[in-house]
Structure formats: C-alpha cells, structure tokens
Amino acid sequence: MATESDSDPFEAAAAAEQGSGGLPQLDFQTWPSQIIWLAFALVVLYQLMTKIALPRISSVLEERADAIADDLDKAEEFKRRAEEAQKQYDKALAEARQRAQEIAAQTRAEIDKEVQKEMAKADEEIAARASESERRIREIRDSALESIEAVAKDTAGAVIEAVMPGLSDQKAVDKAVQSRLK
C-alpha cells in the first residue's frame, strides 16, 4: 500500500485547494482588499481617461469637424465658382452665336450685293450682245434685201430681154421691182 508521501505531488496540491473553500474572489475575507484595489484601479483609469485619452479623442474629433467644415466651405466656393464659370460660358456662347449670326448676315448681304452687281453686268452684257445681234441681223436683212432687189432687177431685166429683145427699159424694171418689194 502506498503512503501519503508516495502519492503524486499534484494530487496533494489539488487536495489542499479543495480544502481552501473555492475561488479567492468569492472569499468574503478578501473582499475589503479587493474593493480597495478596485476603487484604486477605477480612480487611476478615470484619471488616465480624463487627463490623457479623452482630451486626445476630443482634439481629434474637433480637428475632424474643422477639416470637414473647411472642406464643405471649399466645396461651396468651388460650386459657386463653377456656377459663375458656367454663366460666363453661357454668356460667351450666346455672344459668339450672335456674332456668328451677324457675320453670316453681313456675308450674305455682301454676297447678295456681289451677285446683284454680277447680274447687272451679265444683263448689260446680254443686252449689249442682243443689240449687237439685232444690229447684225438688220444688216444681214438689209444686205439680203439689197441682194434680192439686185437679183430681182437683173432677173426681170434678163427675162424682158429674153422675151422681148431690145425693148427693156431699166428704169421701168427698177420701178416695177421696187413696187413689188414694198
């Protein structure tokens, strides 16, 4: 048989703990010291939080709020500038369109003047050519009439001479041809 001294040292420690009454936190004899240490730890933790951690957190939050406010102010300024730029762009675009229309109207007027001038030139040239053509036609007609008259006189004289030789009177033939041509 084994004696107590031969037993395992872990078993002895376990047996000693079982005889102590359980967890030390629940031992009523140690509560006053635990409460003192708890109060001390809470006071130290409170002091650390109020003196170090919370001021740092509040300064970070304040810096963030300031940065956000600055960013919002900058965004509002950029928005205002963008709206002004848009208004200026719209105004410049409207002015450019108006100027383009004025230039187009002016160019149209100049082209119309040029076309009218060229049309007048062309009309004058056509009229000059037409009058020249009419003059030539009159000359050709007059020349043809003279030629017809000469041919008619010669033909009439030749016919009279052939039908009645020696009786032809040139003045009478001319007068007879003239009366028929008119």
C-alpha atoms as a PDB file:
ATOM      1  CA  MET A   1       0.000   0.000   0.000  1.00  0.00           C
ATOM      2  CA  ALA A   2       1.017   3.395  -0.722  1.00  0.00           C
ATOM      3  CA  THR A   3       1.502   6.090   1.795  1.00  0.00           C
ATOM      4  CA  GLU A   4       0.654   9.726   1.540  1.00  0.00           C
ATOM      5  CA  SER A   5       4.210  10.635   0.891  1.00  0.00           C
ATOM      6  CA  ASP A   6       4.299   8.239  -2.024  1.00  0.00           C
ATOM      7  CA  SER A   7       1.340   9.902  -3.692  1.00  0.00           C
ATOM      8  CA  ASP A   8       1.585  12.298  -6.563  1.00  0.00           C
ATOM      9  CA  PRO A   9       2.501  15.906  -5.637  1.00  0.00           C
ATOM     10  CA  PHE A  10      -0.247  17.268  -7.973  1.00  0.00           C
ATOM     11  CA  GLU A  11      -2.846  15.337  -6.090  1.00  0.00           C
ATOM     12  CA  ALA A  12      -1.662  16.871  -2.861  1.00  0.00           C
ATOM     13  CA  ALA A  13      -1.937  20.386  -4.296  1.00  0.00           C
ATOM     14  CA  ALA A  14      -5.417  19.643  -5.565  1.00  0.00           C
ATOM     15  CA  ALA A  15      -6.455  18.332  -2.216  1.00  0.00           C
ATOM     16  CA  ALA A  16      -5.068  21.448  -0.498  1.00  0.00           C
ATOM     17  CA  GLU A  17      -7.032  23.704  -2.859  1.00  0.00           C
ATOM     18  CA  GLN A  18     -10.234  21.852  -2.196  1.00  0.00           C
ATOM     19  CA  GLY A  19      -9.821  22.415   1.439  1.00  0.00           C
ATOM     20  CA  SER A  20      -9.357  26.211   0.978  1.00  0.00           C
ATOM     21  CA  GLY A  21     -13.002  26.929   0.207  1.00  0.00           C
ATOM     22  CA  GLY A  22     -13.140  27.728  -3.549  1.00  0.00           C
ATOM     23  CA  LEU A  23     -12.364  30.802  -5.628  1.00  0.00           C
ATOM     24  CA  PRO A  24     -10.438  33.589  -3.882  1.00  0.00           C
ATOM     25  CA  GLN A  25     -12.639  36.306  -5.449  1.00  0.00           C
ATOM     26  CA  LEU A  26     -15.621  34.895  -3.659  1.00  0.00           C
ATOM     27  CA  ASP A  27     -13.869  34.582  -0.337  1.00  0.00           C
ATOM     28  CA  PHE A  28     -15.513  37.115   1.981  1.00  0.00           C
ATOM     29  CA  GLN A  29     -12.316  37.586   3.941  1.00  0.00           C
ATOM     30  CA  THR A  30     -10.523  39.157   0.883  1.00  0.00           C
ATOM     31  CA  TRP A  31     -13.367  41.428  -0.213  1.00  0.00           C
ATOM     32  CA  PRO A  32     -12.238  44.582   1.580  1.00  0.00           C
ATOM     33  CA  SER A  33      -8.820  44.482  -0.072  1.00  0.00           C
ATOM     34  CA  GLN A  34     -10.429  43.672  -3.432  1.00  0.00           C
ATOM     35  CA  ILE A  35     -12.794  46.627  -3.081  1.00  0.00           C
ATOM     36  CA  ILE A  36      -9.883  48.943  -2.226  1.00  0.00           C
ATOM     37  CA  TRP A  37      -7.888  47.760  -5.227  1.00  0.00           C
ATOM     38  CA  LEU A  38     -10.986  48.041  -7.432  1.00  0.00           C
ATOM     39  CA  ALA A  39     -11.569  51.616  -6.286  1.00  0.00           C
ATOM     40  CA  PHE A  40      -7.871  52.440  -6.787  1.00  0.00           C
ATOM     41  CA  ALA A  41      -7.921  50.934 -10.328  1.00  0.00           C
ATOM     42  CA  LEU A  42     -11.117  52.857 -11.177  1.00  0.00           C
ATOM     43  CA  VAL A  43      -9.632  56.134  -9.925  1.00  0.00           C
ATOM     44  CA  VAL A  44      -6.425  55.577 -11.909  1.00  0.00           C
ATOM     45  CA  LEU A  45      -8.415  54.570 -15.005  1.00  0.00           C
ATOM     46  CA  TYR A  46     -10.678  57.620 -14.604  1.00  0.00           C
ATOM     47  CA  GLN A  47      -7.654  59.910 -14.267  1.00  0.00           C
ATOM     48  CA  LEU A  48      -5.974  58.357 -17.341  1.00  0.00           C
ATOM     49  CA  MET A  49      -9.149  58.721 -19.383  1.00  0.00           C
ATOM     50  CA  THR A  50      -9.907  62.332 -18.334  1.00  0.00           C
ATOM     51  CA  LYS A  51      -6.325  63.607 -18.458  1.00  0.00           C
ATOM     52  CA  ILE A  52      -4.893  61.741 -21.470  1.00  0.00           C
ATOM     53  CA  ALA A  53      -7.288  59.708 -23.622  1.00  0.00           C
ATOM     54  CA  LEU A  54     -10.427  61.860 -23.725  1.00  0.00           C
ATOM     55  CA  PRO A  55      -8.592  65.159 -24.497  1.00  0.00           C
ATOM     56  CA  ARG A  56      -6.794  63.450 -27.360  1.00  0.00           C
ATOM     57  CA  ILE A  57     -10.038  61.972 -28.680  1.00  0.00           C
ATOM     58  CA  SER A  58     -11.857  65.291 -28.374  1.00  0.00           C
ATOM     59  CA  SER A  59      -8.999  67.137 -30.131  1.00  0.00           C
ATOM     60  CA  VAL A  60      -9.066  64.585 -32.957  1.00  0.00           C
ATOM     61  CA  LEU A  61     -12.853  64.925 -33.226  1.00  0.00           C
ATOM     62  CA  GLU A  62     -12.564  68.716 -33.204  1.00  0.00           C
ATOM     63  CA  GLU A  63      -9.855  68.618 -35.896  1.00  0.00           C
ATOM     64  CA  ARG A  64     -12.044  66.338 -37.986  1.00  0.00           C
ATOM     65  CA  ALA A  65     -15.038  68.629 -37.564  1.00  0.00           C
ATOM     66  CA  ASP A  66     -12.883  71.630 -38.538  1.00  0.00           C
ATOM     67  CA  ALA A  67     -11.493  69.767 -41.562  1.00  0.00           C
ATOM     68  CA  ILE A  68     -14.990  68.727 -42.633  1.00  0.00           C
ATOM     69  CA  ALA A  69     -16.251  72.301 -42.221  1.00  0.00           C
ATOM     70  CA  ASP A  70     -13.283  73.615 -44.222  1.00  0.00           C
ATOM     71  CA  ASP A  71     -13.888  71.026 -46.923  1.00  0.00           C
ATOM     72  CA  LEU A  72     -17.564  71.969 -47.067  1.00  0.00           C
ATOM     73  CA  ASP A  73     -16.638  75.663 -47.310  1.00  0.00           C
ATOM     74  CA  LYS A  74     -14.162  74.901 -50.100  1.00  0.00           C
ATOM     75  CA  ALA A  75     -16.742  72.756 -51.883  1.00  0.00           C
ATOM     76  CA  GLU A  76     -19.285  75.566 -51.636  1.00  0.00           C
ATOM     77  CA  GLU A  77     -16.713  78.036 -53.000  1.00  0.00           C
ATOM     78  CA  PHE A  78     -15.845  75.687 -55.881  1.00  0.00           C
ATOM     79  CA  LYS A  79     -19.544  75.213 -56.592  1.00  0.00           C
ATOM     80  CA  ARG A  80     -20.045  78.982 -56.665  1.00  0.00           C
ATOM     81  CA  ARG A  81     -17.042  79.408 -58.965  1.00  0.00           C
ATOM     82  CA  ALA A  82     -18.302  76.618 -61.214  1.00  0.00           C
ATOM     83  CA  GLU A  83     -21.717  78.285 -61.432  1.00  0.00           C
ATOM     84  CA  GLU A  84     -20.067  81.621 -62.267  1.00  0.00           C
ATOM     85  CA  ALA A  85     -17.900  79.924 -64.877  1.00  0.00           C
ATOM     86  CA  GLN A  86     -20.997  78.237 -66.336  1.00  0.00           C
ATOM     87  CA  LYS A  87     -22.790  81.601 -66.501  1.00  0.00           C
ATOM     88  CA  GLN A  88     -19.775  83.207 -68.178  1.00  0.00           C
ATOM     89  CA  TYR A  89     -19.527  80.299 -70.603  1.00  0.00           C
ATOM     90  CA  ASP A  90     -23.227  80.550 -71.457  1.00  0.00           C
ATOM     91  CA  LYS A  91     -22.892  84.312 -71.927  1.00  0.00           C
ATOM     92  CA  ALA A  92     -19.806  83.922 -74.125  1.00  0.00           C
ATOM     93  CA  LEU A  93     -21.540  81.193 -76.129  1.00  0.00           C
ATOM     94  CA  ALA A  94     -24.610  83.384 -76.661  1.00  0.00           C
ATOM     95  CA  GLU A  95     -22.389  86.306 -77.710  1.00  0.00           C
ATOM     96  CA  ALA A  96     -20.448  84.057 -80.070  1.00  0.00           C
ATOM     97  CA  ARG A  97     -23.667  82.764 -81.634  1.00  0.00           C
ATOM     98  CA  GLN A  98     -24.987  86.302 -82.020  1.00  0.00           C
ATOM     99  CA  ARG A  99     -21.694  87.418 -83.546  1.00  0.00           C
ATOM    100  CA  ALA A 100     -21.735  84.423 -85.899  1.00  0.00           C
ATOM    101  CA  GLN A 101     -25.261  85.316 -86.993  1.00  0.00           C
ATOM    102  CA  GLU A 102     -24.195  88.928 -87.556  1.00  0.00           C
ATOM    103  CA  ILE A 103     -21.193  87.801 -89.591  1.00  0.00           C
ATOM    104  CA  ALA A 104     -23.396  85.399 -91.576  1.00  0.00           C
ATOM    105  CA  ALA A 105     -25.927  88.175 -92.261  1.00  0.00           C
ATOM    106  CA  GLN A 106     -23.164  90.586 -93.248  1.00  0.00           C
ATOM    107  CA  THR A 107     -21.586  87.982 -95.513  1.00  0.00           C
ATOM    108  CA  ARG A 108     -24.989  87.194 -97.033  1.00  0.00           C
ATOM    109  CA  ALA A 109     -25.536  90.900 -97.710  1.00  0.00           C
ATOM    110  CA  GLU A 110     -22.093  91.232 -99.303  1.00  0.00           C
ATOM    111  CA  ILE A 111     -22.694  88.140-101.428  1.00  0.00           C
ATOM    112  CA  ASP A 112     -26.117  89.475-102.450  1.00  0.00           C
ATOM    113  CA  LYS A 113     -24.519  92.797-103.458  1.00  0.00           C
ATOM    114  CA  GLU A 114     -21.853  90.963-105.419  1.00  0.00           C
ATOM    115  CA  VAL A 115     -24.464  88.725-107.072  1.00  0.00           C
ATOM    116  CA  GLN A 116     -26.591  91.779-107.940  1.00  0.00           C
ATOM    117  CA  LYS A 117     -23.546  93.529-109.370  1.00  0.00           C
ATOM    118  CA  GLU A 118     -22.594  90.454-111.394  1.00  0.00           C
ATOM    119  CA  MET A 119     -26.211  90.017-112.531  1.00  0.00           C
ATOM    120  CA  ALA A 120     -26.293  93.672-113.644  1.00  0.00           C
ATOM    121  CA  LYS A 121     -23.025  93.135-115.515  1.00  0.00           C
ATOM    122  CA  ALA A 122     -24.404  89.982-117.104  1.00  0.00           C
ATOM    123  CA  ASP A 123     -27.652  91.774-118.009  1.00  0.00           C
ATOM    124  CA  GLU A 124     -25.671  94.643-119.570  1.00  0.00           C
ATOM    125  CA  GLU A 125     -23.504  92.187-121.462  1.00  0.00           C
ATOM    126  CA  ILE A 126     -26.557  90.224-122.630  1.00  0.00           C
ATOM    127  CA  ALA A 127     -28.283  93.453-123.667  1.00  0.00           C
ATOM    128  CA  ALA A 128     -25.142  94.599-125.494  1.00  0.00           C
ATOM    129  CA  ARG A 129     -24.838  91.270-127.265  1.00  0.00           C
ATOM    130  CA  ALA A 130     -28.554  91.239-128.070  1.00  0.00           C
ATOM    131  CA  SER A 131     -28.384  94.756-129.540  1.00  0.00           C
ATOM    132  CA  GLU A 132     -25.253  93.776-131.463  1.00  0.00           C
ATOM    133  CA  SER A 133     -27.047  90.661-132.717  1.00  0.00           C
ATOM    134  CA  GLU A 134     -30.107  92.698-133.700  1.00  0.00           C
ATOM    135  CA  ARG A 135     -27.869  95.187-135.490  1.00  0.00           C
ATOM    136  CA  ARG A 136     -26.151  92.373-137.340  1.00  0.00           C
ATOM    137  CA  ILE A 137     -29.486  90.762-138.208  1.00  0.00           C
ATOM    138  CA  ARG A 138     -30.703  94.118-139.557  1.00  0.00           C
ATOM    139  CA  GLU A 139     -27.506  94.487-141.582  1.00  0.00           C
ATOM    140  CA  ILE A 140     -27.844  90.949-142.908  1.00  0.00           C
ATOM    141  CA  ARG A 141     -31.544  91.511-143.680  1.00  0.00           C
ATOM    142  CA  ASP A 142     -30.820  94.850-145.348  1.00  0.00           C
ATOM    143  CA  SER A 143     -27.975  93.285-147.258  1.00  0.00           C
ATOM    144  CA  ALA A 144     -30.216  90.361-148.228  1.00  0.00           C
ATOM    145  CA  LEU A 145     -32.972  92.764-149.344  1.00  0.00           C
ATOM    146  CA  GLU A 146     -30.469  94.708-151.409  1.00  0.00           C
ATOM    147  CA  SER A 147     -29.197  91.480-152.868  1.00  0.00           C
ATOM    148  CA  ILE A 148     -32.764  90.294-153.561  1.00  0.00           C
ATOM    149  CA  GLU A 149     -33.570  93.639-155.154  1.00  0.00           C
ATOM    150  CA  ALA A 150     -30.457  93.487-157.322  1.00  0.00           C
ATOM    151  CA  VAL A 151     -31.133  89.873-158.268  1.00  0.00           C
ATOM    152  CA  ALA A 152     -34.807  90.694-158.971  1.00  0.00           C
ATOM    153  CA  LYS A 153     -33.833  93.656-161.164  1.00  0.00           C
ATOM    154  CA  ASP A 154     -31.256  91.596-163.013  1.00  0.00           C
ATOM    155  CA  THR A 155     -33.633  88.664-163.387  1.00  0.00           C
ATOM    156  CA  ALA A 156     -36.532  90.874-164.505  1.00  0.00           C
ATOM    157  CA  GLY A 157     -34.242  92.648-166.978  1.00  0.00           C
ATOM    158  CA  ALA A 158     -32.960  89.334-168.289  1.00  0.00           C
ATOM    159  CA  VAL A 159     -36.500  87.914-168.614  1.00  0.00           C
ATOM    160  CA  ILE A 160     -37.718  91.006-170.508  1.00  0.00           C
ATOM    161  CA  GLU A 161     -34.651  90.944-172.715  1.00  0.00           C
ATOM    162  CA  ALA A 162     -35.196  87.253-173.411  1.00  0.00           C
ATOM    163  CA  VAL A 163     -38.903  87.636-174.142  1.00  0.00           C
ATOM    164  CA  MET A 164     -38.707  90.950-175.960  1.00  0.00           C
ATOM    165  CA  PRO A 165     -35.231  91.734-177.049  1.00  0.00           C
ATOM    166  CA  GLY A 166     -34.387  95.407-177.321  1.00  0.00           C
ATOM    167  CA  LEU A 167     -37.449  96.694-175.519  1.00  0.00           C
ATOM    168  CA  SER A 168     -36.197  96.556-171.968  1.00  0.00           C
ATOM    169  CA  ASP A 169     -36.286  99.819-170.068  1.00  0.00           C
ATOM    170  CA  GLN A 170     -34.086  99.614-166.945  1.00  0.00           C
ATOM    171  CA  LYS A 171     -35.942 102.442-165.134  1.00  0.00           C
ATOM    172  CA  ALA A 172     -39.302 100.740-165.643  1.00  0.00           C
ATOM    173  CA  VAL A 173     -37.892  97.405-164.434  1.00  0.00           C
ATOM    174  CA  ASP A 174     -36.426  99.098-161.317  1.00  0.00           C
ATOM    175  CA  LYS A 175     -39.732 100.814-160.602  1.00  0.00           C
ATOM    176  CA  ALA A 176     -41.722  97.598-161.055  1.00  0.00           C
ATOM    177  CA  VAL A 177     -39.332  95.595-158.762  1.00  0.00           C
ATOM    178  CA  GLN A 178     -39.456  98.356-156.138  1.00  0.00           C
ATOM    179  CA  SER A 179     -43.254  98.412-156.054  1.00  0.00           C
ATOM    180  CA  ARG A 180     -43.417  94.643-155.579  1.00  0.00           C
ATOM    181  CA  LEU A 181     -40.831  94.504-152.791  1.00  0.00           C
ATOM    182  CA  LYS A 182     -42.509  97.074-150.630  1.00  0.00           C
END
